Amino acid sequence: MNSLLNLVIRHNKLFRRDRMLVFFSLLTVIIVILLYAIFIQKTQIDAIEQLVTATPDIKNMVNEWMVAGLLSIMTVTSTLAAYGIAIKDMETKVLADFLTAPITRAKLQLSYVINAFFIGFALSLFGLICCQLFLVAVGGEWFSPGKISMLLGVVILSVTLSSVFNLFFTLLVTTQTSFSTLSTIIGTSIGFLCGVYVPLGSVPEFVQKIIMLFPISHTTVLFREILMRESIDTVFKGNAEAASSYEVHFGVHYEWGSTLITNSYSLLFITLSIIVFTLLSLFLYSRLPKRF
């Protein structure tokens, strides 16, 4: 146990010292913020004002929509960046040096997974605090204790899913060059797959189904439900039809055909996805040739 803890501490220190890894873990989030400031916010506000009378509450609701997407994306990019330590150790033969000590390959791999989880949780928690401060600064309210508890629960669930999701793909790469390519692909696509760059209702139906089948997008839905429910009730008060239209179009909740996908279903889907990606990673790890 001591050796595992020491390995995790070592990986964590290396990650914090590597400024480029930290920067790239936040790059997608920075891009989303810029896109939101440039055109996403205005486009969404204009669309909502066609459904209801314009009020200051609309801007707060749209800001919460953006924050939900950022939190979901951050859990993915931060855990993925943390696995960069494992790839670097593999390419520089540091892992071979570790194996001269009484440490198994499985324990080494587990240390990278635990490190990815802790880094993902720490950065996501920091992101949650920053998002709260941002929402208050632009006219929103402080989160209630109940809302904070629910948000932390979804953060833990999302970081866990992202950790095993990224583990599966990083097991397929062996060099820092290929890892950089993987990071670019995931970092570029995650905003689309979580319905942040483009609203769900603005893409073709087959793309909507792909997004709804993407496990991490369901964490975005849970974040949106927690953050936006009060604002939606306020903005669309007395206009249930407009509220339902907005929620479906902007991915506050999913509908498969005419069937509403509830939060309970999303929680179940996320849990099953964690189990599936864990088993797939274990299977892949057992089948890969020993690379160190």
Protein backbone atom coordinates (compact mmCIF):
# COMPACT_ATOMS: atom_id res chain seq x y z
CA MET A 1 0.00 0.00 0.00
CA ASN A 2 2.84 2.40 0.82
CA SER A 3 4.46 1.78 -2.55
CA LEU A 4 1.18 2.48 -4.35
CA LEU A 5 0.68 5.70 -2.40
CA ASN A 6 4.25 6.82 -3.11
CA LEU A 7 3.77 6.16 -6.82
CA VAL A 8 0.57 8.22 -6.90
CA ILE A 9 2.28 11.09 -5.08
CA ARG A 10 5.18 10.90 -7.53
CA HIS A 11 2.87 10.99 -10.58
CA ASN A 12 0.94 13.91 -9.09
CA LYS A 13 4.09 15.95 -8.51
CA LEU A 14 5.30 15.32 -12.05
CA PHE A 15 1.95 16.42 -13.46
CA ARG A 16 1.92 19.66 -11.48
CA ARG A 17 5.49 20.44 -12.55
CA ASP A 18 4.72 19.91 -16.23
CA ARG A 19 3.05 23.19 -17.15
CA MET A 20 2.27 22.05 -20.68
CA LEU A 21 0.27 19.08 -19.40
CA VAL A 22 -1.69 21.34 -17.09
CA PHE A 23 -2.25 23.84 -19.91
CA PHE A 24 -3.48 21.22 -22.38
CA SER A 25 -5.81 19.77 -19.74
CA LEU A 26 -7.54 23.18 -19.70
CA LEU A 27 -7.18 24.07 -23.39
CA THR A 28 -10.58 22.74 -24.49
CA VAL A 29 -12.23 24.57 -21.61
CA ILE A 30 -10.55 27.81 -22.68
CA ILE A 31 -11.74 27.28 -26.26
CA VAL A 32 -15.32 26.71 -25.08
CA ILE A 33 -15.23 29.91 -23.00
CA LEU A 34 -13.99 31.91 -26.00
CA LEU A 35 -16.62 30.43 -28.34
CA TYR A 36 -19.30 31.08 -25.75
CA ALA A 37 -18.26 34.70 -25.31
CA ILE A 38 -18.01 35.30 -29.07
CA PHE A 39 -21.25 33.80 -30.36
CA ILE A 40 -22.80 30.86 -28.44
CA GLN A 41 -24.32 33.00 -25.70
CA LYS A 42 -25.90 35.53 -28.05
CA THR A 43 -27.21 32.84 -30.40
CA GLN A 44 -28.91 30.99 -27.58
CA ILE A 45 -30.36 34.12 -25.98
CA ASP A 46 -31.81 35.20 -29.34
CA ALA A 47 -33.40 31.76 -29.78
CA ILE A 48 -34.96 31.82 -26.30
CA GLU A 49 -36.34 35.34 -26.77
CA GLN A 50 -38.38 33.98 -29.67
CA LEU A 51 -40.17 31.71 -27.19
CA VAL A 52 -40.62 33.98 -24.17
CA THR A 53 -40.40 37.64 -23.19
CA ALA A 54 -36.83 38.86 -22.75
CA THR A 55 -35.73 39.10 -19.10
CA PRO A 56 -32.37 39.21 -17.26
CA ASP A 57 -33.08 35.68 -16.00
CA ILE A 58 -32.50 34.33 -19.52
CA LYS A 59 -28.83 35.29 -19.45
CA ASN A 60 -28.37 33.59 -16.09
CA MET A 61 -29.97 30.42 -17.44
CA VAL A 62 -27.75 30.42 -20.52
CA ASN A 63 -24.67 30.95 -18.35
CA GLU A 64 -25.66 27.91 -16.28
CA TRP A 65 -26.04 25.91 -19.51
CA MET A 66 -22.48 26.80 -20.46
CA VAL A 67 -21.11 26.03 -16.99
CA ALA A 68 -22.66 22.56 -17.07
CA GLY A 69 -20.86 21.80 -20.33
CA LEU A 70 -17.56 23.13 -19.00
CA LEU A 71 -17.69 20.93 -15.91
CA SER A 72 -18.37 17.83 -17.98
CA ILE A 73 -15.57 18.61 -20.45
CA MET A 74 -13.08 19.38 -17.67
CA THR A 75 -13.45 15.91 -16.14
CA VAL A 76 -12.49 14.37 -19.48
CA THR A 77 -9.57 16.60 -20.45
CA SER A 78 -7.99 16.66 -16.98
CA THR A 79 -8.01 12.88 -16.52
CA LEU A 80 -6.70 12.36 -20.05
CA ALA A 81 -3.82 14.79 -19.47
CA ALA A 82 -2.92 12.93 -16.27
CA TYR A 83 -2.33 9.74 -18.26
CA GLY A 84 0.38 11.62 -20.14
CA ILE A 85 2.70 10.81 -17.23
CA ALA A 86 2.26 7.08 -17.91
CA ILE A 87 3.05 7.48 -21.61
CA LYS A 88 6.09 9.60 -20.86
CA ASP A 89 7.36 7.04 -18.32
CA MET A 90 6.87 4.27 -20.85
CA GLU A 91 8.71 6.04 -23.65
CA THR A 92 11.62 7.10 -21.42
CA LYS A 93 11.94 3.56 -19.95
CA VAL A 94 11.24 4.81 -16.42
CA LEU A 95 8.71 2.02 -16.02
CA ALA A 96 11.41 -0.55 -16.62
CA ASP A 97 13.39 1.02 -13.78
CA PHE A 98 10.37 0.78 -11.48
CA LEU A 99 10.10 -2.95 -12.17
CA THR A 100 13.55 -3.55 -10.70
CA ALA A 101 11.82 -2.91 -7.38
CA PRO A 102 9.25 -5.34 -5.93
CA ILE A 103 6.35 -3.66 -7.78
CA THR A 104 4.00 -5.45 -10.14
CA ARG A 105 2.91 -4.11 -13.51
CA ALA A 106 -0.70 -4.13 -12.31
CA LYS A 107 0.16 -1.93 -9.32
CA LEU A 108 2.02 0.49 -11.58
CA GLN A 109 -0.96 0.76 -13.90
CA LEU A 110 -3.34 1.20 -10.97
CA SER A 111 -1.21 4.06 -9.64
CA TYR A 112 -1.70 5.96 -12.90
CA VAL A 113 -5.46 5.40 -12.77
CA ILE A 114 -5.71 6.64 -9.18
CA ASN A 115 -3.56 9.65 -10.05
CA ALA A 116 -5.82 10.46 -13.02
CA PHE A 117 -8.87 10.32 -10.77
CA PHE A 118 -7.37 12.60 -8.13
CA ILE A 119 -6.13 15.12 -10.70
CA GLY A 120 -9.48 15.06 -12.48
CA PHE A 121 -11.37 15.57 -9.23
CA ALA A 122 -9.06 18.36 -8.01
CA LEU A 123 -9.22 20.32 -11.27
CA SER A 124 -12.98 19.76 -11.60
CA LEU A 125 -13.51 20.95 -8.03
CA PHE A 126 -11.43 24.03 -8.79
CA GLY A 127 -13.48 24.53 -11.95
CA LEU A 128 -16.72 24.21 -9.97
CA ILE A 129 -15.57 26.92 -7.56
CA CYS A 130 -14.59 29.21 -10.44
CA CYS A 131 -17.93 28.59 -12.15
CA GLN A 132 -19.81 29.48 -8.96
CA LEU A 133 -17.86 32.71 -8.64
CA PHE A 134 -18.53 33.50 -12.30
CA LEU A 135 -22.27 32.90 -11.98
CA VAL A 136 -22.50 35.12 -8.91
CA ALA A 137 -20.40 37.84 -10.60
CA VAL A 138 -22.81 38.01 -13.56
CA GLY A 139 -25.94 38.18 -11.41
CA GLY A 140 -26.59 34.57 -10.39
CA GLU A 141 -27.08 33.17 -6.90
CA TRP A 142 -24.90 31.13 -4.58
CA PHE A 143 -25.47 27.39 -4.72
CA SER A 144 -27.49 25.94 -1.87
CA PRO A 145 -25.94 23.16 0.26
CA GLY A 146 -28.25 20.65 -1.42
CA LYS A 147 -27.21 21.76 -4.90
CA ILE A 148 -23.52 21.64 -3.93
CA SER A 149 -23.93 18.06 -2.69
CA MET A 150 -25.60 16.97 -5.92
CA LEU A 151 -22.98 18.72 -8.04
CA LEU A 152 -20.14 17.06 -6.12
CA GLY A 153 -21.83 13.69 -6.60
CA VAL A 154 -22.02 14.20 -10.37
CA VAL A 155 -18.41 15.44 -10.43
CA ILE A 156 -17.24 12.21 -8.73
CA LEU A 157 -19.36 10.11 -11.10
CA SER A 158 -18.11 12.02 -14.14
CA VAL A 159 -14.45 11.85 -13.11
CA THR A 160 -14.76 8.11 -12.51
CA LEU A 161 -16.32 7.57 -15.94
CA SER A 162 -13.73 9.80 -17.62
CA SER A 163 -10.87 7.99 -15.87
CA VAL A 164 -11.85 4.54 -17.16
CA PHE A 165 -12.92 5.91 -20.55
CA ASN A 166 -9.53 7.56 -21.10
CA LEU A 167 -7.69 4.55 -19.66
CA PHE A 168 -9.10 2.32 -22.39
CA PHE A 169 -7.80 4.58 -25.16
CA THR A 170 -4.42 5.36 -23.58
CA LEU A 171 -3.73 1.64 -23.36
CA LEU A 172 -3.68 1.68 -27.16
CA VAL A 173 -0.87 4.24 -27.47
CA THR A 174 2.82 3.83 -26.68
CA THR A 175 4.50 7.13 -27.58
CA GLN A 176 4.04 10.76 -26.63
CA THR A 177 3.41 11.60 -30.29
CA SER A 178 0.50 9.18 -30.53
CA PHE A 179 -0.78 10.37 -27.15
CA SER A 180 -0.74 13.96 -28.40
CA THR A 181 -2.80 12.87 -31.40
CA LEU A 182 -5.25 11.06 -29.11
CA SER A 183 -5.52 14.15 -26.90
CA THR A 184 -6.22 16.33 -29.93
CA ILE A 185 -8.95 14.01 -31.20
CA ILE A 186 -10.69 13.71 -27.83
CA GLY A 187 -10.21 17.37 -26.96
CA THR A 188 -11.68 18.45 -30.30
CA SER A 189 -14.63 16.08 -30.33
CA ILE A 190 -15.69 16.18 -26.68
CA GLY A 191 -17.36 19.59 -27.04
CA PHE A 192 -19.51 18.31 -29.89
CA LEU A 193 -20.30 14.99 -28.23
CA CYS A 194 -21.43 16.76 -25.06
CA GLY A 195 -23.61 19.18 -27.01
CA VAL A 196 -21.67 22.28 -25.99
CA TYR A 197 -20.46 23.69 -29.31
CA VAL A 198 -23.75 23.06 -31.11
CA PRO A 199 -27.16 22.51 -29.44
CA LEU A 200 -28.51 18.99 -29.71
CA GLY A 201 -31.53 20.06 -31.74
CA SER A 202 -29.37 21.78 -34.38
CA VAL A 203 -27.68 18.59 -35.62
CA PRO A 204 -29.13 15.78 -37.78
CA GLU A 205 -31.14 13.08 -36.03
CA PHE A 206 -28.49 10.37 -36.48
CA VAL A 207 -25.90 12.67 -34.86
CA GLN A 208 -28.33 13.28 -31.98
CA LYS A 209 -28.51 9.54 -31.39
CA ILE A 210 -24.70 9.27 -31.41
CA ILE A 211 -24.53 12.01 -28.78
CA MET A 212 -27.20 10.33 -26.65
CA LEU A 213 -25.29 7.03 -26.85
CA PHE A 214 -22.07 8.74 -25.75
CA PRO A 215 -21.86 8.04 -21.99
CA ILE A 216 -20.09 11.24 -20.95
CA SER A 217 -22.81 13.39 -22.53
CA HIS A 218 -25.18 12.09 -19.85
CA THR A 219 -23.03 13.73 -17.17
CA THR A 220 -23.62 17.01 -19.01
CA VAL A 221 -27.37 16.38 -18.82
CA LEU A 222 -27.15 15.77 -15.06
CA PHE A 223 -25.12 18.96 -14.54
CA ARG A 224 -27.66 20.94 -16.58
CA GLU A 225 -30.60 19.56 -14.66
CA ILE A 226 -29.05 20.50 -11.32
CA LEU A 227 -27.80 23.92 -12.37
CA MET A 228 -30.67 25.06 -14.59
CA ARG A 229 -33.89 23.69 -13.14
CA GLU A 230 -34.76 26.76 -11.07
CA SER A 231 -33.83 29.15 -13.88
CA ILE A 232 -35.89 27.22 -16.43
CA ASP A 233 -38.92 27.30 -14.13
CA THR A 234 -38.47 31.06 -13.73
CA VAL A 235 -37.85 31.92 -17.39
CA PHE A 236 -40.63 29.71 -18.77
CA LYS A 237 -43.10 30.18 -15.92
CA GLY A 238 -46.59 29.38 -17.17
CA ASN A 239 -45.32 28.22 -20.58
CA ALA A 240 -44.66 24.49 -20.25
CA GLU A 241 -44.67 23.94 -24.00
CA ALA A 242 -41.89 26.49 -24.58
CA ALA A 243 -39.91 25.05 -21.66
CA SER A 244 -40.16 21.53 -23.07
CA SER A 245 -39.13 22.74 -26.53
CA TYR A 246 -36.10 24.52 -25.10
CA GLU A 247 -35.01 21.56 -22.95
CA VAL A 248 -35.12 19.12 -25.86
CA HIS A 249 -33.44 21.46 -28.36
CA PHE A 250 -30.58 22.46 -26.02
CA GLY A 251 -30.03 19.05 -24.45
CA VAL A 252 -31.22 19.79 -20.93
CA HIS A 253 -32.80 16.38 -21.19
CA TYR A 254 -32.80 13.76 -23.93
CA GLU A 255 -35.68 12.27 -25.86
CA TRP A 256 -35.19 9.08 -27.86
CA GLY A 257 -38.01 9.21 -30.37
CA SER A 258 -40.96 10.16 -28.18
CA THR A 259 -39.49 8.60 -25.02
CA LEU A 260 -38.12 10.89 -22.33
CA ILE A 261 -34.73 9.79 -20.96
CA THR A 262 -34.97 10.46 -17.25
CA ASN A 263 -32.14 11.32 -14.85
CA SER A 264 -32.44 7.83 -13.36
CA TYR A 265 -31.76 6.34 -16.78
CA SER A 266 -28.76 8.63 -17.25
CA LEU A 267 -27.36 7.56 -13.86
CA LEU A 268 -27.87 3.90 -14.76
CA PHE A 269 -26.28 4.38 -18.19
CA ILE A 270 -23.24 6.12 -16.66
CA THR A 271 -22.83 3.38 -14.04
CA LEU A 272 -23.04 0.62 -16.63
CA SER A 273 -20.57 2.50 -18.84
CA ILE A 274 -18.08 2.68 -15.96
CA ILE A 275 -18.35 -1.08 -15.51
CA VAL A 276 -18.06 -1.77 -19.24
CA PHE A 277 -15.00 0.45 -19.79
CA THR A 278 -13.35 -0.99 -16.68
CA LEU A 279 -13.84 -4.55 -17.95
CA LEU A 280 -12.71 -3.60 -21.46
CA SER A 281 -9.58 -1.96 -20.06
CA LEU A 282 -8.77 -5.00 -17.94
CA PHE A 283 -9.28 -7.26 -20.94
CA LEU A 284 -7.14 -5.05 -23.18
CA TYR A 285 -4.41 -4.76 -20.54
CA SER A 286 -4.25 -8.56 -20.18
CA ARG A 287 -4.00 -9.04 -23.95
CA LEU A 288 -1.42 -6.36 -24.75
CA PRO A 289 2.22 -7.44 -25.03
CA LYS A 290 4.40 -6.39 -22.14
CA ARG A 291 5.76 -3.03 -23.19
CA PHE A 292 7.94 -2.43 -20.15
